[in-house]
Each structure stands twice: as C-alpha cells, then as structure tokens.
Protein backbone atom coordinates (compact mmCIF):
# COMPACT_ATOMS: atom_id res chain seq x y z
CA MET A 1 5.04 -7.91 11.80
CA LYS A 2 8.03 -8.82 9.62
CA LEU A 3 11.42 -7.12 9.81
CA ILE A 4 12.97 -6.73 6.35
CA CYS A 5 16.65 -5.70 6.18
CA TYR A 6 18.38 -4.46 3.04
CA LEU A 7 21.54 -6.19 1.85
CA SER A 8 23.83 -4.45 -0.65
CA ASN A 9 24.79 -7.46 -2.75
CA GLY A 10 28.47 -7.36 -3.68
CA TYR A 11 29.47 -4.46 -1.47
CA PRO A 12 32.31 -4.43 -0.71
CA THR A 13 32.52 -8.02 -2.02
CA ILE A 14 30.09 -10.83 -2.75
CA GLU A 15 31.75 -12.97 -0.07
CA SER A 16 31.26 -10.26 2.56
CA SER A 17 27.59 -9.97 1.55
CA VAL A 18 27.11 -13.68 2.20
CA GLU A 19 28.69 -13.25 5.65
CA MET A 20 26.55 -10.18 6.36
CA ALA A 21 23.38 -12.10 5.53
CA GLU A 22 24.43 -14.64 8.15
CA ASN A 23 24.65 -11.83 10.72
CA TYR A 24 21.23 -10.50 9.71
CA ILE A 25 19.62 -13.92 10.17
CA GLN A 26 21.34 -14.56 13.50
CA ALA A 27 20.12 -11.20 14.81
CA GLY A 28 16.48 -11.90 13.96
CA CYS A 29 15.86 -10.44 10.49
CA ASP A 30 12.76 -12.13 8.98
CA ILE A 31 13.28 -11.27 5.31
CA ILE A 32 16.40 -10.13 3.46
CA GLU A 33 15.89 -7.61 0.67
CA VAL A 34 18.83 -8.33 -1.62
CA ASP A 35 19.66 -6.38 -4.75
CA PHE A 36 21.22 -7.04 -8.10
CA PRO A 37 23.28 -3.84 -8.36
CA SER A 38 22.24 -1.67 -11.29
CA SER A 39 24.48 0.31 -13.62
CA ASP A 40 21.76 2.98 -13.64
CA PRO A 41 20.13 3.04 -10.18
CA TYR A 42 18.11 6.17 -10.91
CA LEU A 43 15.64 5.73 -8.04
CA GLU A 44 18.23 5.20 -5.32
CA GLY A 45 19.63 7.84 -3.02
CA GLU A 46 23.33 8.63 -3.21
CA TYR A 47 24.25 6.20 -0.41
CA ILE A 48 22.77 3.06 -2.01
CA ALA A 49 23.66 4.17 -5.55
CA ASN A 50 27.34 4.49 -4.59
CA ARG A 51 27.32 1.02 -3.04
CA MET A 52 25.87 -0.43 -6.24
CA LYS A 53 28.49 1.41 -8.30
CA GLU A 54 31.35 0.09 -6.16
CA ALA A 55 29.92 -3.43 -6.18
CA LEU A 56 29.85 -3.46 -10.00
CA GLU A 57 33.37 -2.04 -10.15
CA ALA A 58 34.52 -4.96 -8.00
CA CYS A 59 32.52 -7.55 -9.97
CA ASN A 60 30.30 -7.06 -13.01
CA ASP A 61 29.50 -10.77 -13.48
CA TYR A 62 25.88 -11.29 -12.43
CA SER A 63 26.42 -15.06 -12.28
CA ARG A 64 28.50 -14.48 -9.17
CA TYR A 65 25.77 -12.38 -7.56
CA MET A 66 23.33 -15.21 -8.22
CA GLU A 67 25.75 -17.72 -6.72
CA GLY A 68 26.06 -15.57 -3.59
CA ILE A 69 22.29 -15.46 -3.09
CA VAL A 70 22.00 -19.22 -3.63
CA LYS A 71 24.78 -19.79 -1.11
CA ILE A 72 22.86 -17.80 1.53
CA LYS A 73 19.69 -19.72 0.70
CA ASN A 74 21.38 -23.13 0.83
CA THR A 75 23.04 -22.33 4.16
CA HIS A 76 19.73 -21.08 5.60
CA PRO A 77 16.91 -23.00 3.88
CA GLY A 78 14.30 -21.21 5.98
CA ALA A 79 15.50 -17.73 5.02
CA LYS A 80 13.08 -15.54 3.09
CA PHE A 81 14.13 -13.11 0.37
CA ILE A 82 12.78 -10.17 -1.58
CA LEU A 83 14.79 -9.50 -4.73
CA LEU A 84 15.38 -5.95 -5.96
CA SER A 85 16.22 -5.50 -9.61
CA TYR A 86 16.03 -2.74 -12.15
CA GLU A 87 14.59 -3.55 -15.56
CA ASN A 88 17.92 -2.70 -17.19
CA THR A 89 19.67 -5.22 -14.93
CA ILE A 90 17.21 -7.99 -15.81
CA LEU A 91 17.87 -7.30 -19.49
CA GLU A 92 21.63 -7.37 -18.89
CA ILE A 93 21.30 -10.71 -17.10
CA GLY A 94 18.90 -11.98 -19.77
CA LEU A 95 15.16 -12.21 -19.16
CA GLU A 96 14.86 -16.00 -19.45
CA ARG A 97 17.94 -16.51 -17.32
CA PHE A 98 16.56 -14.21 -14.63
CA VAL A 99 13.19 -16.00 -14.69
CA LYS A 100 14.93 -19.37 -14.39
CA PHE A 101 16.97 -18.15 -11.42
CA CYS A 102 13.82 -16.97 -9.61
CA THR A 103 11.79 -20.10 -10.32
CA ASP A 104 14.61 -22.61 -9.70
CA ASN A 105 15.30 -21.04 -6.30
CA ASN A 106 11.68 -20.29 -5.40
CA MET A 107 12.38 -16.57 -5.06
CA LYS A 108 9.12 -15.11 -6.22
CA ASP A 109 8.92 -11.72 -4.46
CA LEU A 110 10.41 -8.95 -6.59
CA ILE A 111 10.79 -5.21 -6.28
CA TYR A 112 10.95 -4.36 -9.96
CA VAL A 113 12.11 -0.88 -10.96
CA GLY A 114 11.13 0.12 -14.47
CA SER A 115 8.00 0.33 -16.56
CA HIS A 116 9.11 0.68 -20.15
CA ASN A 117 9.15 -2.95 -21.22
CA GLU A 118 5.79 -4.69 -20.80
CA GLU A 119 7.24 -7.91 -22.22
CA VAL A 120 9.57 -8.18 -19.22
CA LYS A 121 6.80 -7.66 -16.67
CA SER A 122 4.43 -10.04 -18.45
CA ARG A 123 7.03 -12.79 -18.64
CA LEU A 124 7.82 -12.43 -14.94
CA VAL A 125 4.16 -12.58 -13.93
CA GLU A 126 3.49 -15.55 -16.25
CA ASN A 127 6.12 -17.47 -14.31
CA GLY A 128 4.57 -16.77 -10.92
CA ILE A 129 6.93 -13.97 -9.95
CA LYS A 130 5.11 -11.46 -7.76
CA ILE A 131 5.89 -7.85 -8.59
CA SER A 132 5.46 -5.32 -5.81
CA CYS A 133 3.95 -1.88 -6.31
CA TYR A 134 5.25 1.27 -4.63
CA VAL A 135 2.62 3.66 -3.29
CA GLN A 136 3.74 7.14 -2.25
CA PHE A 137 2.37 8.73 0.90
CA HIS A 138 0.11 11.15 -0.98
CA MET A 139 -1.81 8.13 -2.31
CA ASP A 140 -1.54 8.86 -6.02
CA GLU A 141 -4.65 7.33 -7.62
CA LYS A 142 -2.67 5.63 -10.41
CA GLU A 143 -0.33 4.02 -7.88
CA VAL A 144 -3.22 2.84 -5.70
CA ARG A 145 -4.94 1.37 -8.78
CA ALA A 146 -1.72 -0.34 -9.90
CA ALA A 147 -1.31 -1.80 -6.41
CA SER A 148 -4.84 -3.18 -6.44
CA LEU A 149 -4.17 -4.86 -9.82
CA SER A 150 -0.73 -6.17 -8.89
CA ASN A 151 0.06 -9.75 -7.88
CA GLY A 152 2.71 -8.79 -5.31
CA PHE A 153 2.97 -7.03 -1.98
CA VAL A 154 2.43 -3.29 -1.61
CA TYR A 155 5.49 -1.20 -0.78
CA MET A 156 3.93 1.71 1.11
CA GLN A 157 5.92 4.88 1.79
CA ALA A 158 6.05 5.07 5.59
CA LYS A 159 6.54 8.82 5.97
CA PRO A 160 5.85 11.89 3.83
CA THR A 161 9.51 12.75 3.22
CA THR A 162 8.69 15.72 0.96
CA ASN A 163 5.58 16.77 2.90
CA ASN A 164 3.51 14.92 0.29
CA ILE A 165 0.36 14.52 2.40
CA ASN A 166 -3.11 13.90 1.02
CA PRO A 167 -5.62 15.62 3.35
CA ALA A 168 -7.97 12.65 2.89
CA TYR A 169 -5.28 10.26 4.21
CA PRO A 170 -3.11 12.29 6.61
CA THR A 171 -1.55 9.38 8.53
CA LEU A 172 -0.01 6.03 7.62
CA LYS A 173 -2.98 4.28 9.21
CA HIS A 174 -5.37 6.22 6.96
CA CYS A 175 -3.26 5.19 3.94
CA ILE A 176 -3.17 1.50 4.87
CA ASP A 177 -6.89 1.43 5.72
CA HIS A 178 -7.64 2.95 2.29
CA LEU A 179 -5.51 0.33 0.51
CA LYS A 180 -7.33 -2.46 2.34
CA ALA A 181 -10.67 -0.84 1.48
CA GLN A 182 -9.73 -1.24 -2.21
CA GLY A 183 -9.74 -4.99 -1.66
CA ILE A 184 -5.98 -5.40 -1.30
CA ASP A 185 -5.44 -8.48 0.84
CA ARG A 186 -1.76 -9.00 0.05
CA GLU A 187 1.00 -7.90 2.42
CA ILE A 188 1.54 -4.19 2.94
CA TYR A 189 5.17 -3.53 3.83
CA CYS A 190 6.27 -0.02 4.80
CA GLY A 191 9.60 1.57 4.02
CA VAL A 192 11.27 4.94 3.38
CA GLY A 193 11.56 6.75 6.69
CA ILE A 194 11.91 3.73 9.00
CA TYR A 195 14.95 4.45 11.19
CA THR A 196 14.01 3.91 14.84
CA PRO A 197 11.97 1.61 17.10
CA GLU A 198 9.42 4.43 17.31
CA ASP A 199 9.05 4.41 13.52
CA ILE A 200 8.53 0.64 13.60
CA GLN A 201 5.92 0.95 16.35
CA MET A 202 4.13 3.61 14.30
CA ALA A 203 3.99 1.28 11.28
CA ARG A 204 2.80 -1.59 13.44
CA ASP A 205 0.04 0.52 14.97
CA ALA A 206 -0.99 1.57 11.46
CA GLY A 207 -1.56 -2.05 10.45
CA ALA A 208 1.56 -2.75 8.38
CA ASP A 209 2.56 -6.37 7.76
CA GLY A 210 6.26 -5.54 7.73
CA VAL A 211 8.86 -2.79 7.64
CA PHE A 212 11.89 -2.19 5.45
CA VAL A 213 15.02 -1.00 7.23
CA GLY A 214 17.87 0.15 5.01
CA SER A 215 20.54 2.70 5.80
CA THR A 216 20.23 2.39 9.60
CA VAL A 217 21.50 -1.19 9.38
CA LEU A 218 23.85 -0.66 6.41
CA LYS A 219 25.71 2.10 8.25
CA LEU A 220 26.49 -0.32 11.09
CA HIS A 221 28.24 -2.90 8.90
CA ASP A 222 31.59 -1.87 10.41
CA ASP A 223 30.29 -2.56 13.92
CA ILE A 224 28.71 -6.03 13.80
CA PRO A 225 27.85 -6.29 17.53
CA LYS A 226 26.06 -2.92 17.39
CA MET A 227 24.33 -3.89 14.14
CA LYS A 228 23.08 -7.18 15.61
CA GLU A 229 21.90 -5.38 18.73
CA THR A 230 19.99 -2.88 16.57
CA ILE A 231 18.37 -5.60 14.44
CA ALA A 232 17.38 -7.50 17.59
CA LEU A 233 15.80 -4.36 19.05
CA PHE A 234 13.93 -3.68 15.81
CA LYS A 235 12.70 -7.29 15.73
CA LYS A 236 11.54 -7.05 19.33
CA THR A 237 9.57 -3.92 18.43
CA CYS A 238 8.01 -5.73 15.45
CA SER A 239 6.92 -8.56 17.74
CA LYS A 240 5.45 -6.52 20.62
C-alpha cells in the first residue's frame, strides 16, 4: 500500500517546500501530493487554507511554483506526484499552460477541485491527465457513478467525520468492496481521517491501495527528525 504525504507548496517559501520534499522522500514517502495554492480554497479546512493564503502572500507567481515542483522531480527522477489544483487556479495559470506543464513533466494524476467549467475538465482528459473522484463515506450514488466513469484514482473518505454512514456500507471495507463491485479497477486511495498507524492498518485491511496523510505530517515540519520518524513508521505500517 502506498503512503501519500501532503506538501504545502510555497509554505513558508517555495525553497523550503523543495527541501521538505527531500525529507519526505528520504523518510519513505511513496507519493507526494503537492498543491498549487488557491486564492479561494473553499474545500480546505482552516489549517490548509491558511497555509495556501500565506504561500500566495509570499509569492503569487505560479511559474515559481512550477519550477519548484520540477526541481523536486529532477533531483528525484523516481519520485511520484499527485497534483492538487482548484479550477480557479488552473484558469489563473492558463489552461493550455497548465496542460503543457503536466504533459511535459509526465505528471498525470490530478486532484481537481471544481465542476463548473466542463471545457477545463475535457481538455485535461483529452491530454491524458487523470482526474480523481472524491467519494464520501456515505457512498452518495452520484459520487460513486462519477468515480466509475472517471479516468483517475478514487479518493475515498476513510472515516465518517460527520457520522455520515450508509447502513448498507457501514465500514470502509464495505465501501471499497462496493466500489470494486462497480467495476472500478483503478487505485482506491483513502484520506480524511488518517492520523495514526492504526488508521493506516484499518485502511490496509479494508483493501485500500494507498493512504493520504496530511496534517499529522505538516504539523511536524518544525521537528524534522520526529517527522521523518513518523513517516517511516507510517510507511512500515503500509508495508506490513
């Protein structure tokens, strides 16, 4: 099972993000989820949203964010990435420019937030960019259908954070089994609620292909040895 760690691109600086990615990779992170900070991160919690806000206050030139990601990739050619971008950010960057960045650097896995502009999604898919679908724990039928029609991985909510439980699928294993029964053979990565080795073991037992870890790692950025130790423990749990 893959360990996916979230990197706040540009917080506190782009240079420090490049260095942090190095620490992630050294500690055993399989995939780095790296964002393009959004000026309107409406789906993020306060913690991530504030980091995006401060990153953009320090640098609002998306060319530099792109350069930072390319630098990480060039230094670690084997590193794998999942990009996170809001629709409004892609439009600020420029759709064709964003597509070119993804294709030139072979970064094809995208968490895309937004659904208003079908032209944007169509253009991304036409160019081989794989758009993930988020499925909430209560297994909303529209979300499950969208996931089955998508070309990207499924981002499955790992825990019912608002007690949003569907009696037909009361556990994560039930949810994942149902997704697979719909014919989904792409990766199913679980996030939202993954904080401890026990959470990771639960996702692994449920049949997940990977787990997203966010704030647990981000909050250790001021204690690199502890952060690396935590990532290594999480990776060990993924590999058991």
